[in-house]
Protein backbone atom coordinates (compact mmCIF):
# COMPACT_ATOMS: atom_id res chain seq x y z
CA MET A 1 -0.06 -0.04 -0.04
CA GLU A 2 2.88 2.44 0.83
CA HIS A 3 4.29 1.87 -2.75
CA ILE A 4 0.86 2.88 -4.24
CA ARG A 5 0.70 5.84 -1.93
CA ARG A 6 4.17 7.03 -3.01
CA TRP A 7 3.08 7.11 -6.73
CA TRP A 8 -0.16 9.02 -6.34
CA PRO A 9 1.21 12.55 -7.22
CA PRO A 10 2.53 11.68 -10.67
CA LEU A 11 -0.52 9.50 -11.35
CA VAL A 12 -2.81 12.43 -10.59
CA LEU A 13 -0.65 14.74 -12.70
CA GLY A 14 -0.79 12.26 -15.44
CA LEU A 15 -4.67 12.04 -15.26
CA LEU A 16 -4.81 15.86 -15.30
CA CYS A 17 -2.88 15.64 -18.76
CA LEU A 18 -4.83 12.65 -20.03
CA LEU A 19 -8.23 14.20 -19.61
CA PRO A 20 -7.75 17.23 -21.88
CA GLN A 21 -6.17 15.03 -24.53
CA ALA A 22 -8.96 12.66 -24.45
CA MET A 23 -11.53 15.39 -24.56
CA GLY A 24 -9.90 17.26 -27.42
CA TRP A 25 -9.17 20.33 -25.44
CA GLU A 26 -5.65 20.93 -26.60
CA VAL A 27 -6.51 24.24 -28.32
CA ALA A 28 -8.90 25.48 -25.69
CA TRP A 29 -6.33 25.00 -22.88
CA ARG A 30 -3.06 25.79 -24.53
CA TYR A 31 -0.89 28.74 -23.59
CA GLU A 32 -2.00 31.29 -26.21
CA ARG A 33 -0.48 34.78 -25.75
CA GLU A 34 -3.27 36.53 -27.49
CA LEU A 35 -5.81 35.20 -25.02
CA LEU A 36 -3.90 35.48 -21.70
CA ASP A 37 -5.48 38.81 -20.66
CA SER A 38 -9.02 37.42 -20.95
CA GLU A 39 -8.01 33.77 -20.07
CA PRO A 40 -5.19 33.82 -17.63
CA TRP A 41 -5.76 30.22 -16.61
CA ARG A 42 -4.00 29.32 -19.82
CA LEU A 43 -0.71 30.18 -18.05
CA ALA A 44 -1.34 26.83 -16.02
CA THR A 45 -3.41 24.75 -18.38
CA GLY A 46 -0.95 25.05 -21.22
CA HIS A 47 1.26 22.54 -19.42
CA LEU A 48 -1.50 20.04 -19.24
CA VAL A 49 -2.18 19.76 -22.93
CA HIS A 50 -0.10 18.21 -25.52
CA LEU A 51 0.51 18.15 -29.36
CA GLY A 52 -0.80 14.55 -29.51
CA TRP A 53 -0.58 11.13 -27.73
CA VAL A 54 3.17 10.63 -28.51
CA HIS A 55 4.01 14.02 -26.99
CA LEU A 56 1.90 13.23 -23.96
CA GLY A 57 3.47 9.83 -23.66
CA MET A 58 7.03 11.21 -23.87
CA ASN A 59 6.22 13.77 -21.18
CA LEU A 60 4.58 11.33 -18.79
CA ALA A 61 7.44 8.84 -19.23
CA GLY A 62 9.75 11.75 -18.25
CA LEU A 63 7.61 12.50 -15.31
CA LEU A 64 7.54 8.91 -14.02
CA LEU A 65 11.41 8.66 -14.48
CA ILE A 66 11.92 11.90 -12.40
CA TRP A 67 9.61 10.56 -9.85
CA ALA A 68 11.30 7.19 -9.61
CA LEU A 69 14.70 8.80 -9.33
CA PHE A 70 13.91 11.60 -6.81
CA ALA A 71 10.52 11.28 -5.02
CA GLY A 72 11.90 10.09 -1.85
CA LEU A 73 14.41 13.00 -1.47
CA LEU A 74 11.77 15.72 -0.72
CA PRO A 75 8.43 15.90 1.09
CA LEU A 76 5.37 16.15 -1.13
CA TRP A 77 4.69 19.85 -0.42
CA TYR A 78 8.04 20.59 -1.80
CA TRP A 79 7.38 18.71 -5.00
CA ALA A 80 4.09 20.60 -5.27
CA MET A 81 5.93 23.90 -4.76
CA GLY A 82 8.60 22.86 -7.38
CA LEU A 83 5.87 21.93 -9.93
CA LEU A 84 4.00 25.28 -9.42
CA LEU A 85 7.15 27.28 -9.46
CA SER A 86 8.51 25.43 -12.61
CA ALA A 87 5.17 25.98 -14.44
CA LEU A 88 5.04 29.61 -13.50
CA GLY A 89 8.68 30.10 -14.53
CA VAL A 90 8.02 28.52 -17.92
CA SER A 91 4.81 30.53 -18.55
CA LEU A 92 6.32 33.83 -17.40
CA GLY A 93 9.57 33.29 -19.14
CA LEU A 94 7.70 32.63 -22.40
CA TYR A 95 5.44 35.70 -21.88
CA LEU A 96 8.40 38.00 -20.96
CA PHE A 97 11.14 36.83 -23.01
CA ASP A 98 9.60 35.19 -26.12
CA PRO A 99 6.84 37.75 -27.34
CA ALA A 100 7.00 36.15 -30.87
CA LEU A 101 5.78 32.80 -29.50
CA ALA A 102 2.03 32.54 -30.20
CA TRP A 103 1.30 29.42 -28.30
CA TYR A 104 2.75 26.57 -26.24
CA VAL A 105 1.75 23.24 -24.95
CA GLY A 106 3.41 20.40 -22.91
CA LEU A 107 4.98 19.44 -19.69
CA SER A 108 8.58 19.39 -20.69
CA GLY A 109 9.60 22.74 -19.32
CA VAL A 110 8.17 21.83 -15.98
CA LEU A 111 9.91 18.51 -16.20
CA HIS A 112 13.16 20.33 -16.68
CA GLY A 113 12.46 22.21 -13.53
CA LEU A 114 11.74 19.26 -11.49
CA LEU A 115 14.68 17.38 -12.75
CA ALA A 116 16.92 20.35 -11.84
CA MET A 117 15.28 20.46 -8.28
CA GLY A 118 15.61 16.75 -7.83
CA ALA A 119 19.29 16.68 -8.84
CA LEU A 120 19.94 19.62 -6.39
CA ALA A 121 18.17 17.62 -3.57
CA LEU A 122 20.35 14.62 -4.44
CA LEU A 123 23.58 16.65 -3.79
CA ARG A 124 23.82 15.87 -0.12
CA ARG A 125 23.31 12.03 -0.54
CA ASP A 126 25.17 11.27 -3.83
CA ARG A 127 27.36 14.28 -4.82
CA VAL A 128 28.84 12.58 -7.95
CA THR A 129 25.50 11.35 -9.35
CA ALA A 130 23.85 14.76 -8.65
CA MET A 131 26.68 16.58 -10.34
CA LEU A 132 26.60 14.39 -13.37
CA LEU A 133 22.94 14.92 -13.79
CA LEU A 134 23.30 18.74 -13.35
CA VAL A 135 26.13 18.74 -15.93
CA GLY A 136 24.01 16.74 -18.20
CA VAL A 137 20.99 19.15 -17.84
CA VAL A 138 23.20 22.23 -18.37
CA GLY A 139 24.83 20.58 -21.34
CA LYS A 140 21.49 19.73 -22.96
CA LEU A 141 20.20 23.19 -22.26
CA LEU A 142 23.43 24.77 -23.90
CA TRP A 143 23.13 22.34 -26.95
CA GLU A 144 19.35 23.49 -27.44
CA GLN A 145 20.24 27.16 -26.99
CA LEU A 146 23.14 26.87 -29.46
CA GLY A 147 20.66 25.61 -32.18
CA GLY A 148 21.35 21.78 -31.57
CA GLY A 149 17.72 21.00 -30.83
CA ASP A 150 16.40 17.65 -31.62
CA ALA A 151 14.64 17.58 -35.09
CA GLY A 152 13.88 13.93 -34.45
CA SER A 153 11.73 14.82 -31.31
CA ALA A 154 9.94 17.54 -33.30
CA GLU A 155 9.07 15.04 -35.99
CA LEU A 156 8.03 12.44 -33.49
CA ILE A 157 5.80 14.91 -31.31
CA GLY A 158 4.24 16.59 -34.39
CA GLY A 159 5.55 20.07 -33.77
CA ALA A 160 8.30 22.30 -32.84
CA VAL A 161 10.33 21.76 -29.60
CA ILE A 162 10.19 25.07 -27.57
CA VAL A 163 13.62 24.87 -26.21
CA ASN A 164 13.30 28.10 -24.17
CA ALA A 165 10.58 26.50 -22.07
CA HIS A 166 13.21 23.89 -21.00
CA LEU A 167 15.55 26.62 -20.01
CA TYR A 168 12.88 28.59 -18.03
CA GLY A 169 11.76 25.44 -16.31
CA ALA A 170 15.34 24.46 -15.28
CA LEU A 171 16.13 27.99 -14.06
CA ALA A 172 12.95 27.88 -11.91
CA GLY A 173 13.89 24.52 -10.48
CA LEU A 174 17.38 25.85 -9.80
CA ALA A 175 15.88 28.78 -8.10
CA LEU A 176 14.65 26.48 -5.26
CA ALA A 177 18.20 25.85 -4.34
CA PRO A 178 18.43 28.22 -1.39
CA LEU A 179 15.36 26.68 0.20
CA LEU A 180 16.65 23.36 -0.38
CA TRP A 181 19.89 24.08 1.33
CA TRP A 182 18.08 25.94 4.15
CA ARG A 183 15.82 22.92 4.98
CA GLY A 184 18.71 20.54 4.79
CA ALA A 185 17.69 18.55 1.77
């Protein structure tokens, strides 16, 4: 029973992503710059909708992997805070720094934030693995920012990969470092 209880957060988030996909709400819920003034909830719901089932499946696989690696390192409230801060970081980052981006969908930016937060939490327990993960994340972000984005992923998911969302999410996750160190994680 404890094992099931441990997995309820990513399962609930997964269901929150499956519902709009199954209902065909991708356009109605996506982050859409022109509608943010009248429909501000799109800052949050844009992370729950995806380009298609493959995109959703890839994001949910990433969520499950992150949860499997790091869930036990932090209390649930911290994961909730990391999720919200990462989502907010991605949405505000896109709004403030990518004015030409008309719309966005997906959980990958948030996942980059959770990955960064999890790797930071791992620093006290396994410094080498944590540093390898952080170097890997930074390397991936640099690769994407320098134009080395993955055309294969774009073809697979059926649309462009918004690499700046990954950057903003990771920065939001790293922004939690002072709180992690303060609480002794």
